[in-house]
Amino acid sequence: MSNQQLEEAMERRQDEYIASQLGVSVDVLDDHPFQIDENASDDGLVYSWRILWDDAAPEGVTVYGVPGSLWSDVVPGPDEADEPPE
């Protein structure tokens, strides 16, 4: 498996995890661009991933903030907590 294929597989796994935590399908998540920001302590303990929506979150997903600055929180799973988001 090439490095690019490995990176794509890791990204897809991450997207599947995030979609499942938000209660949407990966296809729905793919239609809503986002960035990931870690909510972590100074010593590196990751509390959550903050999903920063570029435009709007998928319908039914809990969001915080104001229009233009919306986010959702996702608790990283055991494997995901050890891997920084892309």
PDB file of N, CA and C in Angstrom:
ATOM      1  N   MET A   1       0.851  -1.170   0.000  1.00  0.00           N
ATOM      2  CA  MET A   1       0.000   0.000   0.000  1.00  0.00           C
ATOM      3  C   MET A   1       0.899   1.236   0.000  1.00  0.00           C
ATOM      4  N   SER A   2       0.636   2.170  -0.879  1.00  0.00           N
ATOM      5  CA  SER A   2       1.448   3.387  -0.954  1.00  0.00           C
ATOM      6  C   SER A   2       1.099   4.328   0.197  1.00  0.00           C
ATOM      7  N   ASN A   3       1.968   5.297   0.420  1.00  0.00           N
ATOM      8  CA  ASN A   3       1.715   6.284   1.469  1.00  0.00           C
ATOM      9  C   ASN A   3       0.422   7.033   1.227  1.00  0.00           C
ATOM     10  N   GLN A   4       0.164   7.381  -0.039  1.00  0.00           N
ATOM     11  CA  GLN A   4      -1.063   8.104  -0.364  1.00  0.00           C
ATOM     12  C   GLN A   4      -2.287   7.241  -0.057  1.00  0.00           C
ATOM     13  N   GLN A   5      -2.243   5.970  -0.409  1.00  0.00           N
ATOM     14  CA  GLN A   5      -3.358   5.077  -0.124  1.00  0.00           C
ATOM     15  C   GLN A   5      -3.558   4.915   1.379  1.00  0.00           C
ATOM     16  N   LEU A   6      -2.471   4.833   2.121  1.00  0.00           N
ATOM     17  CA  LEU A   6      -2.553   4.712   3.568  1.00  0.00           C
ATOM     18  C   LEU A   6      -3.179   5.968   4.177  1.00  0.00           C
ATOM     19  N   GLU A   7      -2.749   7.143   3.737  1.00  0.00           N
ATOM     20  CA  GLU A   7      -3.308   8.401   4.222  1.00  0.00           C
ATOM     21  C   GLU A   7      -4.795   8.497   3.910  1.00  0.00           C
ATOM     22  N   GLU A   8      -5.187   8.114   2.692  1.00  0.00           N
ATOM     23  CA  GLU A   8      -6.596   8.153   2.303  1.00  0.00           C
ATOM     24  C   GLU A   8      -7.427   7.197   3.152  1.00  0.00           C
ATOM     25  N   ALA A   9      -6.891   6.019   3.443  1.00  0.00           N
ATOM     26  CA  ALA A   9      -7.600   5.041   4.270  1.00  0.00           C
ATOM     27  C   ALA A   9      -7.766   5.562   5.701  1.00  0.00           C
ATOM     28  N   MET A  10      -6.726   6.199   6.237  1.00  0.00           N
ATOM     29  CA  MET A  10      -6.804   6.768   7.586  1.00  0.00           C
ATOM     30  C   MET A  10      -7.815   7.904   7.638  1.00  0.00           C
ATOM     31  N   GLU A  11      -7.812   8.751   6.613  1.00  0.00           N
ATOM     32  CA  GLU A  11      -8.760   9.853   6.561  1.00  0.00           C
ATOM     33  C   GLU A  11     -10.196   9.329   6.456  1.00  0.00           C
ATOM     34  N   ARG A  12     -10.391   8.297   5.652  1.00  0.00           N
ATOM     35  CA  ARG A  12     -11.729   7.713   5.495  1.00  0.00           C
ATOM     36  C   ARG A  12     -12.197   7.105   6.818  1.00  0.00           C
ATOM     37  N   ARG A  13     -11.307   6.425   7.519  1.00  0.00           N
ATOM     38  CA  ARG A  13     -11.655   5.846   8.819  1.00  0.00           C
ATOM     39  C   ARG A  13     -12.031   6.942   9.812  1.00  0.00           C
ATOM     40  N   GLN A  14     -11.280   8.021   9.801  1.00  0.00           N
ATOM     41  CA  GLN A  14     -11.575   9.152  10.679  1.00  0.00           C
ATOM     42  C   GLN A  14     -12.938   9.738  10.339  1.00  0.00           C
ATOM     43  N   ASP A  15     -13.225   9.934   9.055  1.00  0.00           N
ATOM     44  CA  ASP A  15     -14.521  10.469   8.633  1.00  0.00           C
ATOM     45  C   ASP A  15     -15.664   9.543   9.039  1.00  0.00           C
ATOM     46  N   GLU A  16     -15.463   8.237   8.915  1.00  0.00           N
ATOM     47  CA  GLU A  16     -16.490   7.271   9.320  1.00  0.00           C
ATOM     48  C   GLU A  16     -16.756   7.376  10.820  1.00  0.00           C
ATOM     49  N   TYR A  17     -15.692   7.533  11.601  1.00  0.00           N
ATOM     50  CA  TYR A  17     -15.849   7.665  13.050  1.00  0.00           C
ATOM     51  C   TYR A  17     -16.604   8.949  13.391  1.00  0.00           C
ATOM     52  N   ILE A  18     -16.196  10.064  12.798  1.00  0.00           N
ATOM     53  CA  ILE A  18     -16.848  11.348  13.065  1.00  0.00           C
ATOM     54  C   ILE A  18     -18.321  11.285  12.663  1.00  0.00           C
ATOM     55  N   ALA A  19     -18.610  10.742  11.489  1.00  0.00           N
ATOM     56  CA  ALA A  19     -19.997  10.618  11.031  1.00  0.00           C
ATOM     57  C   ALA A  19     -20.818   9.800  12.023  1.00  0.00           C
ATOM     58  N   SER A  20     -20.265   8.687  12.500  1.00  0.00           N
ATOM     59  CA  SER A  20     -21.009   7.848  13.438  1.00  0.00           C
ATOM     60  C   SER A  20     -21.263   8.592  14.751  1.00  0.00           C
ATOM     61  N   GLN A  21     -20.290   9.364  15.232  1.00  0.00           N
ATOM     62  CA  GLN A  21     -20.461  10.117  16.465  1.00  0.00           C
ATOM     63  C   GLN A  21     -21.496  11.240  16.320  1.00  0.00           C
ATOM     64  N   LEU A  22     -21.608  11.782  15.107  1.00  0.00           N
ATOM     65  CA  LEU A  22     -22.579  12.852  14.854  1.00  0.00           C
ATOM     66  C   LEU A  22     -23.950  12.315  14.465  1.00  0.00           C
ATOM     67  N   GLY A  23     -24.031  11.014  14.189  1.00  0.00           N
ATOM     68  CA  GLY A  23     -25.306  10.411  13.827  1.00  0.00           C
ATOM     69  C   GLY A  23     -25.729  10.643  12.397  1.00  0.00           C
ATOM     70  N   VAL A  24     -24.736  10.783  11.509  1.00  0.00           N
ATOM     71  CA  VAL A  24     -25.027  10.979  10.082  1.00  0.00           C
ATOM     72  C   VAL A  24     -24.211   9.974   9.277  1.00  0.00           C
ATOM     73  N   SER A  25     -24.537   9.858   8.000  1.00  0.00           N
ATOM     74  CA  SER A  25     -23.759   8.974   7.132  1.00  0.00           C
ATOM     75  C   SER A  25     -22.499   9.701   6.655  1.00  0.00           C
ATOM     76  N   VAL A  26     -21.547   8.931   6.181  1.00  0.00           N
ATOM     77  CA  VAL A  26     -20.321   9.516   5.628  1.00  0.00           C
ATOM     78  C   VAL A  26     -20.660  10.364   4.405  1.00  0.00           C
ATOM     79  N   ASP A  27     -21.634   9.914   3.605  1.00  0.00           N
ATOM     80  CA  ASP A  27     -22.038  10.689   2.423  1.00  0.00           C
ATOM     81  C   ASP A  27     -22.578  12.055   2.822  1.00  0.00           C
ATOM     82  N   VAL A  28     -23.384  12.111   3.875  1.00  0.00           N
ATOM     83  CA  VAL A  28     -23.902  13.396   4.356  1.00  0.00           C
ATOM     84  C   VAL A  28     -22.751  14.252   4.870  1.00  0.00           C
ATOM     85  N   LEU A  29     -21.841  13.650   5.625  1.00  0.00           N
ATOM     86  CA  LEU A  29     -20.690  14.388   6.145  1.00  0.00           C
ATOM     87  C   LEU A  29     -19.848  14.953   5.006  1.00  0.00           C
ATOM     88  N   ASP A  30     -19.679  14.168   3.940  1.00  0.00           N
ATOM     89  CA  ASP A  30     -18.896  14.619   2.783  1.00  0.00           C
ATOM     90  C   ASP A  30     -19.483  15.875   2.143  1.00  0.00           C
ATOM     91  N   ASP A  31     -20.795  16.078   2.303  1.00  0.00           N
ATOM     92  CA  ASP A  31     -21.469  17.242   1.712  1.00  0.00           C
ATOM     93  C   ASP A  31     -21.358  18.498   2.577  1.00  0.00           C
ATOM     94  N   HIS A  32     -20.716  18.388   3.735  1.00  0.00           N
ATOM     95  CA  HIS A  32     -20.601  19.514   4.663  1.00  0.00           C
ATOM     96  C   HIS A  32     -19.134  19.680   5.064  1.00  0.00           C
ATOM     97  N   PRO A  33     -18.402  20.511   4.329  1.00  0.00           N
ATOM     98  CA  PRO A  33     -16.968  20.687   4.610  1.00  0.00           C
ATOM     99  C   PRO A  33     -16.718  21.154   6.051  1.00  0.00           C
ATOM    100  N   PHE A  34     -15.624  20.643   6.620  1.00  0.00           N
ATOM    101  CA  PHE A  34     -15.290  20.979   7.997  1.00  0.00           C
ATOM    102  C   PHE A  34     -13.786  20.886   8.208  1.00  0.00           C
ATOM    103  N   GLN A  35     -13.364  21.456   9.317  1.00  0.00           N
ATOM    104  CA  GLN A  35     -11.989  21.364   9.796  1.00  0.00           C
ATOM    105  C   GLN A  35     -12.062  20.743  11.181  1.00  0.00           C
ATOM    106  N   ILE A  36     -10.959  20.176  11.654  1.00  0.00           N
ATOM    107  CA  ILE A  36     -10.917  19.581  12.982  1.00  0.00           C
ATOM    108  C   ILE A  36      -9.922  20.340  13.840  1.00  0.00           C
ATOM    109  N   ASP A  37     -10.370  20.679  15.045  1.00  0.00           N
ATOM    110  CA  ASP A  37      -9.515  21.340  16.028  1.00  0.00           C
ATOM    111  C   ASP A  37      -9.562  20.507  17.298  1.00  0.00           C
ATOM    112  N   GLU A  38      -8.412  20.183  17.866  1.00  0.00           N
ATOM    113  CA  GLU A  38      -8.370  19.411  19.109  1.00  0.00           C
ATOM    114  C   GLU A  38      -8.631  20.307  20.302  1.00  0.00           C
ATOM    115  N   ASN A  39      -9.506  19.852  21.179  1.00  0.00           N
ATOM    116  CA  ASN A  39      -9.706  20.486  22.477  1.00  0.00           C
ATOM    117  C   ASN A  39      -8.873  19.665  23.445  1.00  0.00           C
ATOM    118  N   ALA A  40      -7.665  20.171  23.781  1.00  0.00           N
ATOM    119  CA  ALA A  40      -6.720  19.401  24.582  1.00  0.00           C
ATOM    120  C   ALA A  40      -6.156  20.242  25.722  1.00  0.00           C
ATOM    121  N   SER A  41      -5.702  19.537  26.752  1.00  0.00           N
ATOM    122  CA  SER A  41      -5.052  20.202  27.880  1.00  0.00           C
ATOM    123  C   SER A  41      -3.615  20.537  27.503  1.00  0.00           C
ATOM    124  N   ASP A  42      -2.966  21.307  28.344  1.00  0.00           N
ATOM    125  CA  ASP A  42      -1.571  21.681  28.103  1.00  0.00           C
ATOM    126  C   ASP A  42      -0.641  20.471  28.073  1.00  0.00           C
ATOM    127  N   ASP A  43      -1.012  19.401  28.789  1.00  0.00           N
ATOM    128  CA  ASP A  43      -0.159  18.208  28.803  1.00  0.00           C
ATOM    129  C   ASP A  43      -0.523  17.207  27.707  1.00  0.00           C
ATOM    130  N   GLY A  44      -1.406  17.617  26.779  1.00  0.00           N
ATOM    131  CA  GLY A  44      -1.697  16.785  25.615  1.00  0.00           C
ATOM    132  C   GLY A  44      -2.884  15.859  25.736  1.00  0.00           C
ATOM    133  N   LEU A  45      -3.597  15.872  26.863  1.00  0.00           N
ATOM    134  CA  LEU A  45      -4.789  15.044  27.018  1.00  0.00           C
ATOM    135  C   LEU A  45      -5.900  15.610  26.126  1.00  0.00           C
ATOM    136  N   VAL A  46      -6.384  14.805  25.183  1.00  0.00           N
ATOM    137  CA  VAL A  46      -7.403  15.267  24.238  1.00  0.00           C
ATOM    138  C   VAL A  46      -8.777  15.011  24.837  1.00  0.00           C
ATOM    139  N   TYR A  47      -9.548  16.095  25.038  1.00  0.00           N
ATOM    140  CA  TYR A  47     -10.892  15.991  25.584  1.00  0.00           C
ATOM    141  C   TYR A  47     -11.914  15.736  24.479  1.00  0.00           C
ATOM    142  N   SER A  48     -11.737  16.422  23.373  1.00  0.00           N
ATOM    143  CA  SER A  48     -12.668  16.265  22.263  1.00  0.00           C
ATOM    144  C   SER A  48     -12.046  16.843  21.004  1.00  0.00           C
ATOM    145  N   TRP A  49     -12.670  16.508  19.908  1.00  0.00           N
ATOM    146  CA  TRP A  49     -12.349  17.168  18.649  1.00  0.00           C
ATOM    147  C   TRP A  49     -13.465  18.145  18.395  1.00  0.00           C
ATOM    148  N   ARG A  50     -13.118  19.344  18.083  1.00  0.00           N
ATOM    149  CA  ARG A  50     -14.117  20.346  17.712  1.00  0.00           C
ATOM    150  C   ARG A  50     -14.204  20.337  16.193  1.00  0.00           C
ATOM    151  N   ILE A  51     -15.378  20.013  15.696  1.00  0.00           N
ATOM    152  CA  ILE A  51     -15.632  19.998  14.255  1.00  0.00           C
ATOM    153  C   ILE A  51     -16.091  21.398  13.879  1.00  0.00           C
ATOM    154  N   LEU A  52     -15.256  22.119  13.145  1.00  0.00           N
ATOM    155  CA  LEU A  52     -15.542  23.495  12.732  1.00  0.00           C
ATOM    156  C   LEU A  52     -16.167  23.456  11.346  1.00  0.00           C
ATOM    157  N   TRP A  53     -17.432  23.792  11.250  1.00  0.00           N
ATOM    158  CA  TRP A  53     -18.156  23.720   9.975  1.00  0.00           C
ATOM    159  C   TRP A  53     -17.817  24.911   9.110  1.00  0.00           C
ATOM    160  N   ASP A  54     -17.435  24.653   7.854  1.00  0.00           N
ATOM    161  CA  ASP A  54     -17.103  25.732   6.925  1.00  0.00           C
ATOM    162  C   ASP A  54     -18.333  26.583   6.616  1.00  0.00           C
ATOM    163  N   ASP A  55     -19.481  25.935   6.463  1.00  0.00           N
ATOM    164  CA  ASP A  55     -20.726  26.647   6.175  1.00  0.00           C
ATOM    165  C   ASP A  55     -21.784  26.285   7.210  1.00  0.00           C
ATOM    166  N   ALA A  56     -22.399  25.128   7.024  1.00  0.00           N
ATOM    167  CA  ALA A  56     -23.458  24.674   7.919  1.00  0.00           C
ATOM    168  C   ALA A  56     -23.231  23.206   8.255  1.00  0.00           C
ATOM    169  N   ALA A  57     -23.731  22.811   9.405  1.00  0.00           N
ATOM    170  CA  ALA A  57     -23.648  21.405   9.828  1.00  0.00           C
ATOM    171  C   ALA A  57     -24.790  20.632   9.178  1.00  0.00           C
ATOM    172  N   PRO A  58     -24.650  19.317   9.081  1.00  0.00           N
ATOM    173  CA  PRO A  58     -25.750  18.504   8.583  1.00  0.00           C
ATOM    174  C   PRO A  58     -26.984  18.664   9.477  1.00  0.00           C
ATOM    175  N   GLU A  59     -28.128  18.532   8.879  1.00  0.00           N
ATOM    176  CA  GLU A  59     -29.387  18.649   9.609  1.00  0.00           C
ATOM    177  C   GLU A  59     -29.430  17.608  10.731  1.00  0.00           C
ATOM    178  N   GLY A  60     -29.850  18.062  11.916  1.00  0.00           N
ATOM    179  CA  GLY A  60     -29.984  17.174  13.056  1.00  0.00           C
ATOM    180  C   GLY A  60     -28.754  17.065  13.933  1.00  0.00           C
ATOM    181  N   VAL A  61     -27.630  17.632  13.497  1.00  0.00           N
ATOM    182  CA  VAL A  61     -26.391  17.582  14.281  1.00  0.00           C
ATOM    183  C   VAL A  61     -26.400  18.746  15.272  1.00  0.00           C
ATOM    184  N   THR A  62     -26.061  18.460  16.524  1.00  0.00           N
ATOM    185  CA  THR A  62     -25.980  19.500  17.544  1.00  0.00           C
ATOM    186  C   THR A  62     -24.816  20.426  17.221  1.00  0.00           C
ATOM    187  N   VAL A  63     -25.102  21.716  17.174  1.00  0.00           N
ATOM    188  CA  VAL A  63     -24.060  22.707  16.885  1.00  0.00           C
ATOM    189  C   VAL A  63     -24.062  23.784  17.964  1.00  0.00           C
ATOM    190  N   TYR A  64     -22.936  24.435  18.076  1.00  0.00           N
ATOM    191  CA  TYR A  64     -22.753  25.541  19.000  1.00  0.00           C
ATOM    192  C   TYR A  64     -22.208  26.719  18.210  1.00  0.00           C
ATOM    193  N   GLY A  65     -22.312  27.913  18.782  1.00  0.00           N
ATOM    194  CA  GLY A  65     -21.779  29.095  18.121  1.00  0.00           C
ATOM    195  C   GLY A  65     -22.868  29.882  17.432  1.00  0.00           C
ATOM    196  N   VAL A  66     -22.454  30.705  16.500  1.00  0.00           N
ATOM    197  CA  VAL A  66     -23.369  31.559  15.742  1.00  0.00           C
ATOM    198  C   VAL A  66     -23.141  31.313  14.258  1.00  0.00           C
ATOM    199  N   PRO A  67     -24.123  31.635  13.424  1.00  0.00           N
ATOM    200  CA  PRO A  67     -23.918  31.436  11.981  1.00  0.00           C
ATOM    201  C   PRO A  67     -22.606  32.055  11.518  1.00  0.00           C
ATOM    202  N   GLY A  68     -21.869  31.281  10.735  1.00  0.00           N
ATOM    203  CA  GLY A  68     -20.551  31.705  10.274  1.00  0.00           C
ATOM    204  C   GLY A  68     -19.429  31.211  11.178  1.00  0.00           C
ATOM    205  N   SER A  69     -19.792  30.745  12.365  1.00  0.00           N
ATOM    206  CA  SER A  69     -18.809  30.221  13.312  1.00  0.00           C
ATOM    207  C   SER A  69     -19.452  29.097  14.125  1.00  0.00           C
ATOM    208  N   LEU A  70     -19.854  28.038  13.435  1.00  0.00           N
ATOM    209  CA  LEU A  70     -20.531  26.907  14.070  1.00  0.00           C
ATOM    210  C   LEU A  70     -19.567  25.753  14.294  1.00  0.00           C
ATOM    211  N   TRP A  71     -19.762  25.023  15.390  1.00  0.00           N
ATOM    212  CA  TRP A  71     -18.951  23.844  15.644  1.00  0.00           C
ATOM    213  C   TRP A  71     -19.777  22.792  16.366  1.00  0.00           C
ATOM    214  N   SER A  72     -19.268  21.571  16.317  1.00  0.00           N
ATOM    215  CA  SER A  72     -19.820  20.431  17.045  1.00  0.00           C
ATOM    216  C   SER A  72     -18.659  19.739  17.731  1.00  0.00           C
ATOM    217  N   ASP A  73     -18.943  19.112  18.863  1.00  0.00           N
ATOM    218  CA  ASP A  73     -17.907  18.382  19.584  1.00  0.00           C
ATOM    219  C   ASP A  73     -18.052  16.891  19.368  1.00  0.00           C
ATOM    220  N   VAL A  74     -16.919  16.201  19.191  1.00  0.00           N
ATOM    221  CA  VAL A  74     -16.862  14.750  19.038  1.00  0.00           C
ATOM    222  C   VAL A  74     -15.801  14.238  19.997  1.00  0.00           C
ATOM    223  N   VAL A  75     -16.162  13.236  20.784  1.00  0.00           N
ATOM    224  CA  VAL A  75     -15.190  12.610  21.686  1.00  0.00           C
ATOM    225  C   VAL A  75     -14.385  11.614  20.877  1.00  0.00           C
ATOM    226  N   PRO A  76     -13.063  11.760  20.834  1.00  0.00           N
ATOM    227  CA  PRO A  76     -12.256  10.798  20.081  1.00  0.00           C
ATOM    228  C   PRO A  76     -12.310   9.426  20.735  1.00  0.00           C
ATOM    229  N   GLY A  77     -12.348   8.385  19.903  1.00  0.00           N
ATOM    230  CA  GLY A  77     -12.322   7.016  20.399  1.00  0.00           C
ATOM    231  C   GLY A  77     -10.929   6.648  20.860  1.00  0.00           C
ATOM    232  N   PRO A  78     -10.763   5.471  21.443  1.00  0.00           N
ATOM    233  CA  PRO A  78      -9.449   5.065  21.959  1.00  0.00           C
ATOM    234  C   PRO A  78      -8.336   5.128  20.911  1.00  0.00           C
ATOM    235  N   ASP A  79      -8.586   4.661  19.699  1.00  0.00           N
ATOM    236  CA  ASP A  79      -7.569   4.711  18.649  1.00  0.00           C
ATOM    237  C   ASP A  79      -7.365   6.126  18.150  1.00  0.00           C
ATOM    238  N   GLU A  80      -8.457   6.879  18.016  1.00  0.00           N
ATOM    239  CA  GLU A  80      -8.376   8.225  17.452  1.00  0.00           C
ATOM    240  C   GLU A  80      -7.678   9.210  18.373  1.00  0.00           C
ATOM    241  N   ALA A  81      -7.766   9.001  19.677  1.00  0.00           N
ATOM    242  CA  ALA A  81      -7.146   9.935  20.617  1.00  0.00           C
ATOM    243  C   ALA A  81      -5.632   9.966  20.479  1.00  0.00           C
ATOM    244  N   ASP A  82      -5.051   8.861  19.986  1.00  0.00           N
ATOM    245  CA  ASP A  82      -3.611   8.799  19.827  1.00  0.00           C
ATOM    246  C   ASP A  82      -3.129   9.356  18.490  1.00  0.00           C
ATOM    247  N   GLU A  83      -4.067   9.644  17.582  1.00  0.00           N
ATOM    248  CA  GLU A  83      -3.707  10.129  16.254  1.00  0.00           C
ATOM    249  C   GLU A  83      -4.175  11.564  16.107  1.00  0.00           C
ATOM    250  N   PRO A  84      -3.307  12.470  15.744  1.00  0.00           N
ATOM    251  CA  PRO A  84      -3.746  13.856  15.556  1.00  0.00           C
ATOM    252  C   PRO A  84      -4.663  13.959  14.345  1.00  0.00           C
ATOM    253  N   PRO A  85      -5.675  14.825  14.396  1.00  0.00           N
ATOM    254  CA  PRO A  85      -6.523  14.998  13.222  1.00  0.00           C
ATOM    255  C   PRO A  85      -5.763  15.633  12.081  1.00  0.00           C
ATOM    256  N   GLU A  86      -6.213  15.373  10.884  1.00  0.00           N
ATOM    257  CA  GLU A  86      -5.553  15.920   9.693  1.00  0.00           C
ATOM    258  C   GLU A  86      -6.055  17.306   9.399  1.00  0.00           C
TER     259      GLU A  86
END
